[in-house]
PDB file of N, CA and C in Angstrom:
ATOM      1  N   MET A   1      -4.519 -20.415  -3.160  1.00  0.00           N
ATOM      2  CA  MET A   1      -4.019 -19.535  -2.119  1.00  0.00           C
ATOM      3  C   MET A   1      -5.202 -18.813  -1.485  1.00  0.00           C
ATOM      4  N   THR A   2      -5.183 -18.754  -0.176  1.00  0.00           N
ATOM      5  CA  THR A   2      -6.224 -18.056   0.552  1.00  0.00           C
ATOM      6  C   THR A   2      -5.863 -16.581   0.648  1.00  0.00           C
ATOM      7  N   THR A   3      -6.819 -15.747   0.339  1.00  0.00           N
ATOM      8  CA  THR A   3      -6.604 -14.315   0.499  1.00  0.00           C
ATOM      9  C   THR A   3      -7.685 -13.753   1.410  1.00  0.00           C
ATOM     10  N   ILE A   4      -7.420 -12.616   1.949  1.00  0.00           N
ATOM     11  CA  ILE A   4      -8.353 -11.940   2.830  1.00  0.00           C
ATOM     12  C   ILE A   4      -8.729 -10.620   2.186  1.00  0.00           C
ATOM     13  N   ASP A   5     -10.001 -10.302   2.240  1.00  0.00           N
ATOM     14  CA  ASP A   5     -10.493  -9.054   1.685  1.00  0.00           C
ATOM     15  C   ASP A   5      -9.890  -7.867   2.440  1.00  0.00           C
ATOM     16  N   LYS A   6      -9.559  -6.832   1.717  1.00  0.00           N
ATOM     17  CA  LYS A   6      -8.944  -5.642   2.322  1.00  0.00           C
ATOM     18  C   LYS A   6      -9.836  -4.973   3.357  1.00  0.00           C
ATOM     19  N   SER A   7     -11.124  -5.199   3.301  1.00  0.00           N
ATOM     20  CA  SER A   7     -12.019  -4.596   4.287  1.00  0.00           C
ATOM     21  C   SER A   7     -12.035  -5.377   5.606  1.00  0.00           C
ATOM     22  N   ASP A   8     -11.448  -6.570   5.611  1.00  0.00           N
ATOM     23  CA  ASP A   8     -11.383  -7.391   6.822  1.00  0.00           C
ATOM     24  C   ASP A   8     -10.382  -6.773   7.797  1.00  0.00           C
ATOM     25  N   ASN A   9     -10.744  -6.713   9.070  1.00  0.00           N
ATOM     26  CA  ASN A   9      -9.848  -6.142  10.084  1.00  0.00           C
ATOM     27  C   ASN A   9      -8.543  -6.911  10.216  1.00  0.00           C
ATOM     28  N   ASN A  10      -8.528  -8.163   9.807  1.00  0.00           N
ATOM     29  CA  ASN A  10      -7.320  -8.983   9.906  1.00  0.00           C
ATOM     30  C   ASN A  10      -6.423  -8.879   8.671  1.00  0.00           C
ATOM     31  N   TYR A  11      -6.808  -8.054   7.723  1.00  0.00           N
ATOM     32  CA  TYR A  11      -6.020  -7.918   6.495  1.00  0.00           C
ATOM     33  C   TYR A  11      -4.582  -7.500   6.785  1.00  0.00           C
ATOM     34  N   VAL A  12      -4.367  -6.657   7.773  1.00  0.00           N
ATOM     35  CA  VAL A  12      -3.017  -6.185   8.075  1.00  0.00           C
ATOM     36  C   VAL A  12      -2.093  -7.352   8.439  1.00  0.00           C
ATOM     37  N   TYR A  13      -2.617  -8.356   9.152  1.00  0.00           N
ATOM     38  CA  TYR A  13      -1.797  -9.517   9.511  1.00  0.00           C
ATOM     39  C   TYR A  13      -1.451 -10.338   8.273  1.00  0.00           C
ATOM     40  N   TYR A  14      -2.431 -10.490   7.386  1.00  0.00           N
ATOM     41  CA  TYR A  14      -2.204 -11.172   6.123  1.00  0.00           C
ATOM     42  C   TYR A  14      -1.138 -10.443   5.307  1.00  0.00           C
ATOM     43  N   LEU A  15      -1.298  -9.131   5.194  1.00  0.00           N
ATOM     44  CA  LEU A  15      -0.383  -8.302   4.416  1.00  0.00           C
ATOM     45  C   LEU A  15       1.043  -8.384   4.953  1.00  0.00           C
ATOM     46  N   VAL A  16       1.206  -8.194   6.242  1.00  0.00           N
ATOM     47  CA  VAL A  16       2.531  -8.237   6.861  1.00  0.00           C
ATOM     48  C   VAL A  16       3.153  -9.625   6.695  1.00  0.00           C
ATOM     49  N   GLY A  17       2.377 -10.657   6.927  1.00  0.00           N
ATOM     50  CA  GLY A  17       2.898 -12.018   6.799  1.00  0.00           C
ATOM     51  C   GLY A  17       3.377 -12.335   5.396  1.00  0.00           C
ATOM     52  N   LYS A  18       2.600 -11.958   4.414  1.00  0.00           N
ATOM     53  CA  LYS A  18       2.992 -12.225   3.019  1.00  0.00           C
ATOM     54  C   LYS A  18       4.216 -11.405   2.626  1.00  0.00           C
ATOM     55  N   ASN A  19       4.302 -10.176   3.142  1.00  0.00           N
ATOM     56  CA  ASN A  19       5.484  -9.361   2.824  1.00  0.00           C
ATOM     57  C   ASN A  19       6.736  -9.890   3.530  1.00  0.00           C
ATOM     58  N   ILE A  20       6.604 -10.376   4.745  1.00  0.00           N
ATOM     59  CA  ILE A  20       7.762 -10.992   5.403  1.00  0.00           C
ATOM     60  C   ILE A  20       8.233 -12.185   4.587  1.00  0.00           C
ATOM     61  N   ARG A  21       7.295 -13.019   4.139  1.00  0.00           N
ATOM     62  CA  ARG A  21       7.664 -14.179   3.299  1.00  0.00           C
ATOM     63  C   ARG A  21       8.354 -13.717   2.017  1.00  0.00           C
ATOM     64  N   LYS A  22       7.795 -12.700   1.374  1.00  0.00           N
ATOM     65  CA  LYS A  22       8.353 -12.189   0.118  1.00  0.00           C
ATOM     66  C   LYS A  22       9.802 -11.745   0.310  1.00  0.00           C
ATOM     67  N   TYR A  23      10.047 -10.907   1.316  1.00  0.00           N
ATOM     68  CA  TYR A  23      11.401 -10.380   1.503  1.00  0.00           C
ATOM     69  C   TYR A  23      12.359 -11.432   2.065  1.00  0.00           C
ATOM     70  N   ARG A  24      11.843 -12.367   2.846  1.00  0.00           N
ATOM     71  CA  ARG A  24      12.680 -13.474   3.312  1.00  0.00           C
ATOM     72  C   ARG A  24      13.180 -14.294   2.126  1.00  0.00           C
ATOM     73  N   LYS A  25      12.266 -14.606   1.215  1.00  0.00           N
ATOM     74  CA  LYS A  25      12.651 -15.391   0.032  1.00  0.00           C
ATOM     75  C   LYS A  25      13.590 -14.606  -0.875  1.00  0.00           C
ATOM     76  N   LEU A  26      13.346 -13.292  -1.014  1.00  0.00           N
ATOM     77  CA  LEU A  26      14.253 -12.470  -1.829  1.00  0.00           C
ATOM     78  C   LEU A  26      15.672 -12.466  -1.255  1.00  0.00           C
ATOM     79  N   LYS A  27      15.789 -12.591   0.062  1.00  0.00           N
ATOM     80  CA  LYS A  27      17.103 -12.651   0.721  1.00  0.00           C
ATOM     81  C   LYS A  27      17.677 -14.063   0.701  1.00  0.00           C
ATOM     82  N   GLY A  28      16.903 -15.019   0.184  1.00  0.00           N
ATOM     83  CA  GLY A  28      17.368 -16.395   0.108  1.00  0.00           C
ATOM     84  C   GLY A  28      17.417 -17.097   1.458  1.00  0.00           C
ATOM     85  N   LEU A  29      16.561 -16.655   2.386  1.00  0.00           N
ATOM     86  CA  LEU A  29      16.547 -17.243   3.722  1.00  0.00           C
ATOM     87  C   LEU A  29      15.403 -18.235   3.881  1.00  0.00           C
ATOM     88  N   LYS A  30      15.663 -19.300   4.595  1.00  0.00           N
ATOM     89  CA  LYS A  30      14.612 -20.224   5.008  1.00  0.00           C
ATOM     90  C   LYS A  30      14.005 -19.673   6.290  1.00  0.00           C
ATOM     91  N   GLN A  31      12.804 -20.140   6.629  1.00  0.00           N
ATOM     92  CA  GLN A  31      12.155 -19.669   7.853  1.00  0.00           C
ATOM     93  C   GLN A  31      13.060 -19.872   9.068  1.00  0.00           C
ATOM     94  N   ARG A  32      13.714 -21.017   9.142  1.00  0.00           N
ATOM     95  CA  ARG A  32      14.603 -21.314  10.262  1.00  0.00           C
ATOM     96  C   ARG A  32      15.733 -20.283  10.344  1.00  0.00           C
ATOM     97  N   GLU A  33      16.299 -19.918   9.205  1.00  0.00           N
ATOM     98  CA  GLU A  33      17.409 -18.954   9.191  1.00  0.00           C
ATOM     99  C   GLU A  33      16.945 -17.570   9.652  1.00  0.00           C
ATOM    100  N   LEU A  34      15.783 -17.137   9.177  1.00  0.00           N
ATOM    101  CA  LEU A  34      15.255 -15.848   9.622  1.00  0.00           C
ATOM    102  C   LEU A  34      14.963 -15.898  11.120  1.00  0.00           C
ATOM    103  N   ALA A  35      14.356 -16.976  11.564  1.00  0.00           N
ATOM    104  CA  ALA A  35      14.050 -17.131  12.984  1.00  0.00           C
ATOM    105  C   ALA A  35      15.319 -17.046  13.824  1.00  0.00           C
ATOM    106  N   ASP A  36      16.356 -17.744  13.414  1.00  0.00           N
ATOM    107  CA  ASP A  36      17.625 -17.715  14.156  1.00  0.00           C
ATOM    108  C   ASP A  36      18.206 -16.308  14.215  1.00  0.00           C
ATOM    109  N   LYS A  37      18.185 -15.605  13.089  1.00  0.00           N
ATOM    110  CA  LYS A  37      18.736 -14.247  13.043  1.00  0.00           C
ATOM    111  C   LYS A  37      17.928 -13.273  13.912  1.00  0.00           C
ATOM    112  N   CYS A  38      16.642 -13.580  14.110  1.00  0.00           N
ATOM    113  CA  CYS A  38      15.762 -12.721  14.909  1.00  0.00           C
ATOM    114  C   CYS A  38      15.629 -13.213  16.351  1.00  0.00           C
ATOM    115  N   SER A  39      16.283 -14.321  16.676  1.00  0.00           N
ATOM    116  CA  SER A  39      16.144 -14.956  17.999  1.00  0.00           C
ATOM    117  C   SER A  39      14.687 -15.314  18.290  1.00  0.00           C
ATOM    118  N   LEU A  40      14.034 -15.874  17.284  1.00  0.00           N
ATOM    119  CA  LEU A  40      12.648 -16.314  17.384  1.00  0.00           C
ATOM    120  C   LEU A  40      12.576 -17.791  17.013  1.00  0.00           C
ATOM    121  N   SER A  41      11.426 -18.391  17.237  1.00  0.00           N
ATOM    122  CA  SER A  41      11.256 -19.785  16.818  1.00  0.00           C
ATOM    123  C   SER A  41      10.818 -19.832  15.354  1.00  0.00           C
ATOM    124  N   GLU A  42      11.132 -20.941  14.710  1.00  0.00           N
ATOM    125  CA  GLU A  42      10.688 -21.133  13.339  1.00  0.00           C
ATOM    126  C   GLU A  42       9.157 -21.136  13.280  1.00  0.00           C
ATOM    127  N   GLY A  43       8.524 -21.689  14.303  1.00  0.00           N
ATOM    128  CA  GLY A  43       7.067 -21.721  14.363  1.00  0.00           C
ATOM    129  C   GLY A  43       6.450 -20.333  14.402  1.00  0.00           C
ATOM    130  N   PHE A  44       7.110 -19.414  15.099  1.00  0.00           N
ATOM    131  CA  PHE A  44       6.634 -18.033  15.173  1.00  0.00           C
ATOM    132  C   PHE A  44       6.648 -17.396  13.781  1.00  0.00           C
ATOM    133  N   ILE A  45       7.767 -17.561  13.071  1.00  0.00           N
ATOM    134  CA  ILE A  45       7.863 -17.021  11.699  1.00  0.00           C
ATOM    135  C   ILE A  45       6.812 -17.674  10.810  1.00  0.00           C
ATOM    136  N   SER A  46       6.669 -18.985  10.925  1.00  0.00           N
ATOM    137  CA  SER A  46       5.676 -19.713  10.129  1.00  0.00           C
ATOM    138  C   SER A  46       4.271 -19.202  10.413  1.00  0.00           C
ATOM    139  N   ASP A  47       3.948 -18.987  11.681  1.00  0.00           N
ATOM    140  CA  ASP A  47       2.617 -18.488  12.043  1.00  0.00           C
ATOM    141  C   ASP A  47       2.361 -17.098  11.478  1.00  0.00           C
ATOM    142  N   ILE A  48       3.367 -16.229  11.521  1.00  0.00           N
ATOM    143  CA  ILE A  48       3.209 -14.884  10.963  1.00  0.00           C
ATOM    144  C   ILE A  48       2.968 -14.969   9.457  1.00  0.00           C
ATOM    145  N   GLU A  49       3.786 -15.770   8.776  1.00  0.00           N
ATOM    146  CA  GLU A  49       3.684 -15.868   7.321  1.00  0.00           C
ATOM    147  C   GLU A  49       2.406 -16.547   6.862  1.00  0.00           C
ATOM    148  N   SER A  50       1.854 -17.424   7.677  1.00  0.00           N
ATOM    149  CA  SER A  50       0.653 -18.160   7.262  1.00  0.00           C
ATOM    150  C   SER A  50      -0.632 -17.544   7.783  1.00  0.00           C
ATOM    151  N   ASN A  51      -0.504 -16.348   8.384  1.00  0.00           N
ATOM    152  CA  ASN A  51      -1.670 -15.596   8.833  1.00  0.00           C
ATOM    153  C   ASN A  51      -2.421 -16.290   9.966  1.00  0.00           C
ATOM    154  N   THR A  52      -1.714 -17.064  10.786  1.00  0.00           N
ATOM    155  CA  THR A  52      -2.369 -17.681  11.936  1.00  0.00           C
ATOM    156  C   THR A  52      -2.008 -16.955  13.228  1.00  0.00           C
ATOM    157  N   PHE A  53      -1.123 -15.983  13.140  1.00  0.00           N
ATOM    158  CA  PHE A  53      -0.698 -15.226  14.310  1.00  0.00           C
ATOM    159  C   PHE A  53      -1.421 -13.894  14.299  1.00  0.00           C
ATOM    160  N   ARG A  54      -2.050 -13.523  15.399  1.00  0.00           N
ATOM    161  CA  ARG A  54      -2.883 -12.334  15.435  1.00  0.00           C
ATOM    162  C   ARG A  54      -2.332 -11.193  16.276  1.00  0.00           C
ATOM    163  N   THR A  55      -1.196 -11.376  16.901  1.00  0.00           N
ATOM    164  CA  THR A  55      -0.627 -10.310  17.711  1.00  0.00           C
ATOM    165  C   THR A  55       0.873 -10.250  17.468  1.00  0.00           C
ATOM    166  N   ILE A  56       1.331  -9.111  17.020  1.00  0.00           N
ATOM    167  CA  ILE A  56       2.767  -8.906  16.835  1.00  0.00           C
ATOM    168  C   ILE A  56       3.038  -7.426  17.090  1.00  0.00           C
ATOM    169  N   SER A  57       4.068  -7.170  17.845  1.00  0.00           N
ATOM    170  CA  SER A  57       4.367  -5.784  18.205  1.00  0.00           C
ATOM    171  C   SER A  57       5.094  -5.066  17.071  1.00  0.00           C
ATOM    172  N   LEU A  58       4.976  -3.762  17.081  1.00  0.00           N
ATOM    173  CA  LEU A  58       5.729  -2.958  16.120  1.00  0.00           C
ATOM    174  C   LEU A  58       7.227  -3.144  16.336  1.00  0.00           C
ATOM    175  N   ASN A  59       7.622  -3.303  17.587  1.00  0.00           N
ATOM    176  CA  ASN A  59       9.024  -3.529  17.890  1.00  0.00           C
ATOM    177  C   ASN A  59       9.523  -4.811  17.215  1.00  0.00           C
ATOM    178  N   MET A  60       8.724  -5.872  17.256  1.00  0.00           N
ATOM    179  CA  MET A  60       9.118  -7.132  16.618  1.00  0.00           C
ATOM    180  C   MET A  60       9.163  -6.974  15.102  1.00  0.00           C
ATOM    181  N   LEU A  61       8.183  -6.272  14.541  1.00  0.00           N
ATOM    182  CA  LEU A  61       8.198  -6.033  13.093  1.00  0.00           C
ATOM    183  C   LEU A  61       9.417  -5.212  12.691  1.00  0.00           C
ATOM    184  N   TYR A  62       9.760  -4.227  13.510  1.00  0.00           N
ATOM    185  CA  TYR A  62      10.936  -3.404  13.241  1.00  0.00           C
ATOM    186  C   TYR A  62      12.198  -4.266  13.260  1.00  0.00           C
ATOM    187  N   HIS A  63      12.288  -5.158  14.221  1.00  0.00           N
ATOM    188  CA  HIS A  63      13.449  -6.044  14.330  1.00  0.00           C
ATOM    189  C   HIS A  63      13.537  -6.970  13.109  1.00  0.00           C
ATOM    190  N   ILE A  64      12.417  -7.561  12.707  1.00  0.00           N
ATOM    191  CA  ILE A  64      12.403  -8.441  11.529  1.00  0.00           C
ATOM    192  C   ILE A  64      12.809  -7.655  10.294  1.00  0.00           C
ATOM    193  N   ALA A  65      12.287  -6.445  10.139  1.00  0.00           N
ATOM    194  CA  ALA A  65      12.646  -5.603   8.988  1.00  0.00           C
ATOM    195  C   ALA A  65      14.146  -5.307   8.982  1.00  0.00           C
ATOM    196  N   LYS A  66      14.717  -5.014  10.148  1.00  0.00           N
ATOM    197  CA  LYS A  66      16.154  -4.749  10.225  1.00  0.00           C
ATOM    198  C   LYS A  66      16.954  -5.979   9.803  1.00  0.00           C
ATOM    199  N   VAL A  67      16.540  -7.149  10.262  1.00  0.00           N
ATOM    200  CA  VAL A  67      17.233  -8.386   9.888  1.00  0.00           C
ATOM    201  C   VAL A  67      17.121  -8.618   8.379  1.00  0.00           C
ATOM    202  N   LEU A  68      15.968  -8.293   7.804  1.00  0.00           N
ATOM    203  CA  LEU A  68      15.779  -8.445   6.356  1.00  0.00           C
ATOM    204  C   LEU A  68      16.415  -7.304   5.566  1.00  0.00           C
ATOM    205  N   ASP A  69      16.919  -6.307   6.275  1.00  0.00           N
ATOM    206  CA  ASP A  69      17.566  -5.148   5.667  1.00  0.00           C
ATOM    207  C   ASP A  69      16.601  -4.376   4.756  1.00  0.00           C
ATOM    208  N   ILE A  70      15.385  -4.173   5.285  1.00  0.00           N
ATOM    209  CA  ILE A  70      14.372  -3.399   4.561  1.00  0.00           C
ATOM    210  C   ILE A  70      13.767  -2.373   5.517  1.00  0.00           C
ATOM    211  N   HIS A  71      13.123  -1.360   4.968  1.00  0.00           N
ATOM    212  CA  HIS A  71      12.402  -0.388   5.781  1.00  0.00           C
ATOM    213  C   HIS A  71      11.108  -1.038   6.260  1.00  0.00           C
ATOM    214  N   ILE A  72      10.735  -0.812   7.495  1.00  0.00           N
ATOM    215  CA  ILE A  72       9.532  -1.422   8.059  1.00  0.00           C
ATOM    216  C   ILE A  72       8.288  -1.128   7.222  1.00  0.00           C
ATOM    217  N   MET A  73       8.234   0.007   6.579  1.00  0.00           N
ATOM    218  CA  MET A  73       7.065   0.364   5.768  1.00  0.00           C
ATOM    219  C   MET A  73       6.817  -0.641   4.641  1.00  0.00           C
ATOM    220  N   LEU A  74       7.867  -1.303   4.172  1.00  0.00           N
ATOM    221  CA  LEU A  74       7.692  -2.293   3.108  1.00  0.00           C
ATOM    222  C   LEU A  74       6.845  -3.476   3.564  1.00  0.00           C
ATOM    223  N   LEU A  75       6.789  -3.709   4.867  1.00  0.00           N
ATOM    224  CA  LEU A  75       5.968  -4.811   5.375  1.00  0.00           C
ATOM    225  C   LEU A  75       4.476  -4.509   5.253  1.00  0.00           C
ATOM    226  N   PHE A  76       4.139  -3.238   5.075  1.00  0.00           N
ATOM    227  CA  PHE A  76       2.739  -2.818   4.968  1.00  0.00           C
ATOM    228  C   PHE A  76       2.348  -2.455   3.534  1.00  0.00           C
ATOM    229  N   GLN A  77       3.238  -2.686   2.597  1.00  0.00           N
ATOM    230  CA  GLN A  77       3.007  -2.342   1.193  1.00  0.00           C
ATOM    231  C   GLN A  77       2.007  -3.312   0.575  1.00  0.00           C
ATOM    232  N   ASP A  78       1.101  -2.779  -0.264  1.00  0.00           N
ATOM    233  CA  ASP A  78       0.136  -3.637  -0.939  1.00  0.00           C
ATOM    234  C   ASP A  78       0.847  -4.724  -1.720  1.00  0.00           C
ATOM    235  N   LEU A  79       0.176  -5.841  -1.847  1.00  0.00           N
ATOM    236  CA  LEU A  79       0.774  -7.025  -2.446  1.00  0.00           C
ATOM    237  C   LEU A  79       0.608  -7.087  -3.955  1.00  0.00           C
ATOM    238  N   ASP A  80       1.642  -7.580  -4.581  1.00  0.00           N
ATOM    239  CA  ASP A  80       1.580  -8.017  -5.975  1.00  0.00           C
ATOM    240  C   ASP A  80       1.328  -9.514  -5.869  1.00  0.00           C
ATOM    241  N   GLU A  81       0.142  -9.975  -6.229  1.00  0.00           N
ATOM    242  CA  GLU A  81      -0.243 -11.367  -5.998  1.00  0.00           C
ATOM    243  C   GLU A  81       0.752 -12.376  -6.571  1.00  0.00           C
ATOM    244  N   ASP A  82       1.442 -12.048  -7.657  1.00  0.00           N
ATOM    245  CA  ASP A  82       2.425 -12.968  -8.227  1.00  0.00           C
ATOM    246  C   ASP A  82       3.629 -13.158  -7.314  1.00  0.00           C
ATOM    247  N   SER A  83       3.923 -12.178  -6.469  1.00  0.00           N
ATOM    248  CA  SER A  83       5.124 -12.241  -5.637  1.00  0.00           C
ATOM    249  C   SER A  83       4.911 -12.939  -4.312  1.00  0.00           C
ATOM    250  N   VAL A  84       3.690 -13.326  -3.973  1.00  0.00           N
ATOM    251  CA  VAL A  84       3.438 -13.930  -2.666  1.00  0.00           C
ATOM    252  C   VAL A  84       3.233 -15.436  -2.727  1.00  0.00           C
ATOM    253  N   LYS A  85       3.391 -16.025  -3.870  1.00  0.00           N
ATOM    254  CA  LYS A  85       3.200 -17.473  -4.018  1.00  0.00           C
ATOM    255  C   LYS A  85       4.384 -18.241  -3.504  1.00  0.00           C
TER     256      LYS A  85
END
């Protein structure tokens, strides 16, 4: 698994992407299902989760968090490496 050092400016994208994946899986959703519920493409969700997407609005993160039924702050929570595999 590729990780990014916390001092890297792109760490926030890595962190958010891994947390979206974590909570999506905890809800038992596939990327396609989350994308449909958010009116987004599966590719968009995949890009966020795989750390290849570099721009995402707070509004979009808020919407994804609402669909996942979590507080947006959980998307910025430090990772437990065992939970992101």
